Amino acid sequence: MSVRSSLLPAGVTLTGSIEGTGDLVVAGVVEGPIELDGDLVIEEGGAVAGDVRVASLVVRGRLTGDASAKTSVRVEPSAAVVGDVSAPRVQIVEGARVRGRVTMTGEPLVPQAVRRRRRGPERVEPVVAAVVAAPSAPPAEPAAAKPRRRRRRGARKPPPPTIPAVQRQKARRKDRAPLEPVS
């Protein structure tokens, strides 16, 4: 038996929490938290005001609240999200508006070479090379290396920064007469 999607049509406002299994498509307005084991799609013109915890989330309308998904979150160009978003994969399409923190909770991508090193040393097969006599040619001379410039100790350090206001204060203090003790 397959689970079908449920639809909250446009023009309908639901106040309260939604919990359950299966998928939900919201074209109307939901005021309250949503917790599903399935997918949630907020259609263009639809709105959800509350925290959302689902398997995957696609936002084309408006979401006000924190969103957490087990697999992925996709925010379409017509969407507006106000709240924190977290999922292993988060895709925010150009033109979408998101105000909040975005956290990707998935395992970071690791280059193939690094993965091999983590597993342990690779088995290296010995390479056997045969030397073939070639007609003798004069050896090529190495390219001339550029001379390296050496840095001398204490050579040309930049002057310490000067702050004009501080310099003026020092100058004024030198010009002032010492204070006389008050009797």
C-alpha atoms as a PDB file:
ATOM      1  CA  MET A   1       0.000   0.000   0.000  1.00  0.00           C
ATOM      2  CA  SER A   2       1.546   3.319  -1.036  1.00  0.00           C
ATOM      3  CA  VAL A   3       1.191   6.504   0.924  1.00  0.00           C
ATOM      4  CA  ARG A   4      -0.351   9.338  -1.078  1.00  0.00           C
ATOM      5  CA  SER A   5       0.292  13.040  -0.675  1.00  0.00           C
ATOM      6  CA  SER A   6      -2.140  15.159   1.278  1.00  0.00           C
ATOM      7  CA  LEU A   7      -3.037  18.622   0.031  1.00  0.00           C
ATOM      8  CA  LEU A   8      -4.031  21.713   1.976  1.00  0.00           C
ATOM      9  CA  PRO A   9      -5.644  23.789  -0.790  1.00  0.00           C
ATOM     10  CA  ALA A  10      -5.321  27.525  -1.341  1.00  0.00           C
ATOM     11  CA  GLY A  11      -7.816  29.598   0.638  1.00  0.00           C
ATOM     12  CA  VAL A  12      -7.747  27.207   3.632  1.00  0.00           C
ATOM     13  CA  THR A  13      -6.110  28.236   6.929  1.00  0.00           C
ATOM     14  CA  LEU A  14      -5.221  25.535   9.436  1.00  0.00           C
ATOM     15  CA  THR A  15      -4.354  26.571  12.984  1.00  0.00           C
ATOM     16  CA  GLY A  16      -2.655  23.885  15.085  1.00  0.00           C
ATOM     17  CA  SER A  17       0.100  21.328  14.808  1.00  0.00           C
ATOM     18  CA  ILE A  18       0.403  18.694  12.093  1.00  0.00           C
ATOM     19  CA  GLU A  19       2.075  15.338  12.820  1.00  0.00           C
ATOM     20  CA  GLY A  20       2.157  12.112  10.871  1.00  0.00           C
ATOM     21  CA  THR A  21       3.566  10.030   8.063  1.00  0.00           C
ATOM     22  CA  GLY A  22       3.242  10.649   4.367  1.00  0.00           C
ATOM     23  CA  ASP A  23       3.768  13.688   2.205  1.00  0.00           C
ATOM     24  CA  LEU A  24       2.041  17.063   2.502  1.00  0.00           C
ATOM     25  CA  VAL A  25       1.580  19.832  -0.057  1.00  0.00           C
ATOM     26  CA  VAL A  26       0.587  23.203   1.417  1.00  0.00           C
ATOM     27  CA  ALA A  27      -1.026  25.691  -0.940  1.00  0.00           C
ATOM     28  CA  GLY A  28      -2.985  27.409   1.865  1.00  0.00           C
ATOM     29  CA  VAL A  29      -1.817  28.647   5.284  1.00  0.00           C
ATOM     30  CA  VAL A  30      -0.669  26.571   8.280  1.00  0.00           C
ATOM     31  CA  GLU A  31      -0.251  28.343  11.621  1.00  0.00           C
ATOM     32  CA  GLY A  32       1.633  25.901  13.840  1.00  0.00           C
ATOM     33  CA  PRO A  33       4.438  23.349  13.801  1.00  0.00           C
ATOM     34  CA  ILE A  34       4.650  20.524  11.252  1.00  0.00           C
ATOM     35  CA  GLU A  35       6.376  17.193  11.980  1.00  0.00           C
ATOM     36  CA  LEU A  36       6.231  14.553   9.244  1.00  0.00           C
ATOM     37  CA  ASP A  37       8.066  11.376   8.314  1.00  0.00           C
ATOM     38  CA  GLY A  38       7.465  12.308   4.672  1.00  0.00           C
ATOM     39  CA  ASP A  39       8.130  15.239   2.371  1.00  0.00           C
ATOM     40  CA  LEU A  40       6.702  18.738   2.680  1.00  0.00           C
ATOM     41  CA  VAL A  41       6.158  21.101  -0.245  1.00  0.00           C
ATOM     42  CA  ILE A  42       5.082  24.675   0.430  1.00  0.00           C
ATOM     43  CA  GLU A  43       3.646  25.887  -2.868  1.00  0.00           C
ATOM     44  CA  GLU A  44       3.834  29.421  -4.235  1.00  0.00           C
ATOM     45  CA  GLY A  45       1.096  31.356  -2.438  1.00  0.00           C
ATOM     46  CA  GLY A  46       1.216  28.925   0.510  1.00  0.00           C
ATOM     47  CA  ALA A  47       2.573  29.835   3.929  1.00  0.00           C
ATOM     48  CA  VAL A  48       3.677  28.035   7.077  1.00  0.00           C
ATOM     49  CA  ALA A  49       4.171  29.887  10.361  1.00  0.00           C
ATOM     50  CA  GLY A  50       5.838  27.417  12.715  1.00  0.00           C
ATOM     51  CA  ASP A  51       8.781  25.081  13.063  1.00  0.00           C
ATOM     52  CA  VAL A  52       9.066  22.304  10.481  1.00  0.00           C
ATOM     53  CA  ARG A  53      10.699  18.854  10.939  1.00  0.00           C
ATOM     54  CA  VAL A  54      10.338  16.609   7.875  1.00  0.00           C
ATOM     55  CA  ALA A  55      12.198  14.093   5.698  1.00  0.00           C
ATOM     56  CA  SER A  56      12.703  16.606   2.866  1.00  0.00           C
ATOM     57  CA  LEU A  57      11.436  20.120   2.256  1.00  0.00           C
ATOM     58  CA  VAL A  58      10.769  22.202  -0.853  1.00  0.00           C
ATOM     59  CA  VAL A  59       9.780  25.831  -0.280  1.00  0.00           C
ATOM     60  CA  ARG A  60       8.194  27.847  -3.061  1.00  0.00           C
ATOM     61  CA  GLY A  61       6.003  30.010  -0.788  1.00  0.00           C
ATOM     62  CA  ARG A  62       6.662  31.502   2.657  1.00  0.00           C
ATOM     63  CA  LEU A  63       8.077  29.748   5.720  1.00  0.00           C
ATOM     64  CA  THR A  64       8.376  31.555   9.046  1.00  0.00           C
ATOM     65  CA  GLY A  65      10.086  29.306  11.568  1.00  0.00           C
ATOM     66  CA  ASP A  66      13.002  26.920  11.868  1.00  0.00           C
ATOM     67  CA  ALA A  67      13.221  24.084   9.341  1.00  0.00           C
ATOM     68  CA  SER A  68      14.985  20.764   9.835  1.00  0.00           C
ATOM     69  CA  ALA A  69      15.053  17.986   7.231  1.00  0.00           C
ATOM     70  CA  LYS A  70      16.544  14.486   7.301  1.00  0.00           C
ATOM     71  CA  THR A  71      17.679  14.506   3.667  1.00  0.00           C
ATOM     72  CA  SER A  72      17.441  17.876   1.907  1.00  0.00           C
ATOM     73  CA  VAL A  73      15.976  21.372   1.784  1.00  0.00           C
ATOM     74  CA  ARG A  74      15.414  23.257  -1.468  1.00  0.00           C
ATOM     75  CA  VAL A  75      14.426  26.933  -1.452  1.00  0.00           C
ATOM     76  CA  GLU A  76      13.016  27.997  -4.828  1.00  0.00           C
ATOM     77  CA  PRO A  77      13.308  31.517  -6.369  1.00  0.00           C
ATOM     78  CA  SER A  78       9.762  32.506  -5.364  1.00  0.00           C
ATOM     79  CA  ALA A  79      10.331  31.520  -1.701  1.00  0.00           C
ATOM     80  CA  ALA A  80      10.871  33.554   1.452  1.00  0.00           C
ATOM     81  CA  VAL A  81      12.244  31.818   4.566  1.00  0.00           C
ATOM     82  CA  VAL A  82      12.614  33.539   7.930  1.00  0.00           C
ATOM     83  CA  GLY A  83      14.312  31.172  10.366  1.00  0.00           C
ATOM     84  CA  ASP A  84      17.165  28.704  10.650  1.00  0.00           C
ATOM     85  CA  VAL A  85      17.497  25.881   8.109  1.00  0.00           C
ATOM     86  CA  SER A  86      19.401  22.628   8.713  1.00  0.00           C
ATOM     87  CA  ALA A  87      19.746  19.493   6.593  1.00  0.00           C
ATOM     88  CA  PRO A  88      22.500  17.316   5.129  1.00  0.00           C
ATOM     89  CA  ARG A  89      21.949  19.054   1.767  1.00  0.00           C
ATOM     90  CA  VAL A  90      20.617  22.595   1.424  1.00  0.00           C
ATOM     91  CA  GLN A  91      20.014  24.231  -1.946  1.00  0.00           C
ATOM     92  CA  ILE A  92      19.061  27.889  -2.150  1.00  0.00           C
ATOM     93  CA  VAL A  93      18.235  28.873  -5.710  1.00  0.00           C
ATOM     94  CA  GLU A  94      19.143  32.346  -6.958  1.00  0.00           C
ATOM     95  CA  GLY A  95      16.310  34.763  -6.241  1.00  0.00           C
ATOM     96  CA  ALA A  96      15.186  33.046  -3.024  1.00  0.00           C
ATOM     97  CA  ARG A  97      15.093  35.118   0.157  1.00  0.00           C
ATOM     98  CA  VAL A  98      16.437  33.556   3.364  1.00  0.00           C
ATOM     99  CA  ARG A  99      16.915  35.322   6.675  1.00  0.00           C
ATOM    100  CA  GLY A 100      18.498  33.036   9.252  1.00  0.00           C
ATOM    101  CA  ARG A 101      21.298  30.531   9.679  1.00  0.00           C
ATOM    102  CA  VAL A 102      21.817  27.712   7.200  1.00  0.00           C
ATOM    103  CA  THR A 103      23.489  24.580   8.576  1.00  0.00           C
ATOM    104  CA  MET A 104      24.503  21.655   6.425  1.00  0.00           C
ATOM    105  CA  THR A 105      24.656  18.661   8.762  1.00  0.00           C
ATOM    106  CA  GLY A 106      25.890  16.079   6.246  1.00  0.00           C
ATOM    107  CA  GLU A 107      29.323  14.526   6.198  1.00  0.00           C
ATOM    108  CA  PRO A 108      31.745  16.881   4.443  1.00  0.00           C
ATOM    109  CA  LEU A 109      32.927  15.905   0.993  1.00  0.00           C
ATOM    110  CA  VAL A 110      36.420  14.453   1.094  1.00  0.00           C
ATOM    111  CA  PRO A 111      38.584  14.154  -2.030  1.00  0.00           C
ATOM    112  CA  GLN A 112      39.176  10.606  -3.287  1.00  0.00           C
ATOM    113  CA  ALA A 113      42.915  10.690  -2.497  1.00  0.00           C
ATOM    114  CA  VAL A 114      42.258  11.614   1.131  1.00  0.00           C
ATOM    115  CA  ARG A 115      39.720   8.793   1.505  1.00  0.00           C
ATOM    116  CA  ARG A 116      42.326   6.266   0.369  1.00  0.00           C
ATOM    117  CA  ARG A 117      44.800   7.507   2.950  1.00  0.00           C
ATOM    118  CA  ARG A 118      42.242   7.082   5.725  1.00  0.00           C
ATOM    119  CA  ARG A 119      41.685   3.411   4.858  1.00  0.00           C
ATOM    120  CA  GLY A 120      45.310   2.541   5.288  1.00  0.00           C
ATOM    121  CA  PRO A 121      48.409   2.201   3.174  1.00  0.00           C
ATOM    122  CA  GLU A 122      47.861   1.343  -0.454  1.00  0.00           C
ATOM    123  CA  ARG A 123      49.447  -1.705  -1.933  1.00  0.00           C
ATOM    124  CA  VAL A 124      52.152  -0.633  -4.346  1.00  0.00           C
ATOM    125  CA  GLU A 125      53.262  -3.003  -7.060  1.00  0.00           C
ATOM    126  CA  PRO A 126      57.007  -2.965  -7.832  1.00  0.00           C
ATOM    127  CA  VAL A 127      57.899  -1.352 -11.119  1.00  0.00           C
ATOM    128  CA  VAL A 128      60.482  -3.045 -13.273  1.00  0.00           C
ATOM    129  CA  ALA A 129      62.222  -0.732 -15.697  1.00  0.00           C
ATOM    130  CA  ALA A 130      64.387  -1.842 -18.542  1.00  0.00           C
ATOM    131  CA  VAL A 131      67.284   0.295 -19.681  1.00  0.00           C
ATOM    132  CA  VAL A 132      67.482   0.543 -23.424  1.00  0.00           C
ATOM    133  CA  ALA A 133      70.636   1.793 -25.023  1.00  0.00           C
ATOM    134  CA  ALA A 134      69.926   4.871 -27.081  1.00  0.00           C
ATOM    135  CA  PRO A 135      72.248   6.641 -29.425  1.00  0.00           C
ATOM    136  CA  SER A 136      74.416   8.915 -27.361  1.00  0.00           C
ATOM    137  CA  ALA A 137      73.438  12.548 -27.423  1.00  0.00           C
ATOM    138  CA  PRO A 138      75.128  15.344 -25.601  1.00  0.00           C
ATOM    139  CA  PRO A 139      73.547  15.845 -22.181  1.00  0.00           C
ATOM    140  CA  ALA A 140      71.218  18.805 -21.952  1.00  0.00           C
ATOM    141  CA  GLU A 141      72.448  21.630 -19.810  1.00  0.00           C
ATOM    142  CA  PRO A 142      70.206  22.682 -16.966  1.00  0.00           C
ATOM    143  CA  ALA A 143      68.431  25.993 -17.316  1.00  0.00           C
ATOM    144  CA  ALA A 144      70.085  28.879 -15.571  1.00  0.00           C
ATOM    145  CA  ALA A 145      68.505  29.424 -12.177  1.00  0.00           C
ATOM    146  CA  LYS A 146      67.548  32.904 -11.108  1.00  0.00           C
ATOM    147  CA  PRO A 147      69.681  34.178  -8.259  1.00  0.00           C
ATOM    148  CA  ARG A 148      67.752  34.352  -5.019  1.00  0.00           C
ATOM    149  CA  ARG A 149      67.612  37.629  -3.205  1.00  0.00           C
ATOM    150  CA  ARG A 150      68.715  37.373   0.373  1.00  0.00           C
ATOM    151  CA  ARG A 151      67.096  39.425   3.036  1.00  0.00           C
ATOM    152  CA  ARG A 152      69.534  41.104   5.361  1.00  0.00           C
ATOM    153  CA  ARG A 153      68.831  41.220   9.036  1.00  0.00           C
ATOM    154  CA  GLY A 154      67.335  44.506  10.104  1.00  0.00           C
ATOM    155  CA  ALA A 155      67.003  45.577   6.515  1.00  0.00           C
ATOM    156  CA  ARG A 156      64.378  48.226   5.834  1.00  0.00           C
ATOM    157  CA  LYS A 157      61.581  47.691   8.261  1.00  0.00           C
ATOM    158  CA  PRO A 158      58.594  49.893   7.738  1.00  0.00           C
ATOM    159  CA  PRO A 159      58.357  52.807  10.148  1.00  0.00           C
ATOM    160  CA  PRO A 160      55.969  52.435  13.069  1.00  0.00           C
ATOM    161  CA  PRO A 161      52.508  53.815  12.365  1.00  0.00           C
ATOM    162  CA  THR A 162      51.907  57.357  13.498  1.00  0.00           C
ATOM    163  CA  ILE A 163      48.580  58.647  14.616  1.00  0.00           C
ATOM    164  CA  PRO A 164      48.403  62.406  14.056  1.00  0.00           C
ATOM    165  CA  ALA A 165      46.230  63.065  17.120  1.00  0.00           C
ATOM    166  CA  VAL A 166      48.748  61.330  19.419  1.00  0.00           C
ATOM    167  CA  GLN A 167      51.659  63.271  17.959  1.00  0.00           C
ATOM    168  CA  ARG A 168      49.835  66.552  18.587  1.00  0.00           C
ATOM    169  CA  GLN A 169      49.157  65.591  22.200  1.00  0.00           C
ATOM    170  CA  LYS A 170      52.838  64.862  22.802  1.00  0.00           C
ATOM    171  CA  ALA A 171      53.786  68.168  21.256  1.00  0.00           C
ATOM    172  CA  ARG A 172      51.341  70.056  23.480  1.00  0.00           C
ATOM    173  CA  ARG A 173      52.644  68.354  26.567  1.00  0.00           C
ATOM    174  CA  LYS A 174      56.197  69.426  25.760  1.00  0.00           C
ATOM    175  CA  ASP A 175      55.072  73.026  25.368  1.00  0.00           C
ATOM    176  CA  ARG A 176      53.173  73.163  28.660  1.00  0.00           C
ATOM    177  CA  ALA A 177      54.818  74.444  31.780  1.00  0.00           C
ATOM    178  CA  PRO A 178      54.955  72.025  34.723  1.00  0.00           C
ATOM    179  CA  LEU A 179      52.095  72.349  37.202  1.00  0.00           C
ATOM    180  CA  GLU A 180      52.837  74.147  40.458  1.00  0.00           C
ATOM    181  CA  PRO A 181      51.809  72.486  43.689  1.00  0.00           C
ATOM    182  CA  VAL A 182      48.667  73.910  45.264  1.00  0.00           C
ATOM    183  CA  SER A 183      49.092  75.095  48.864  1.00  0.00           C
END
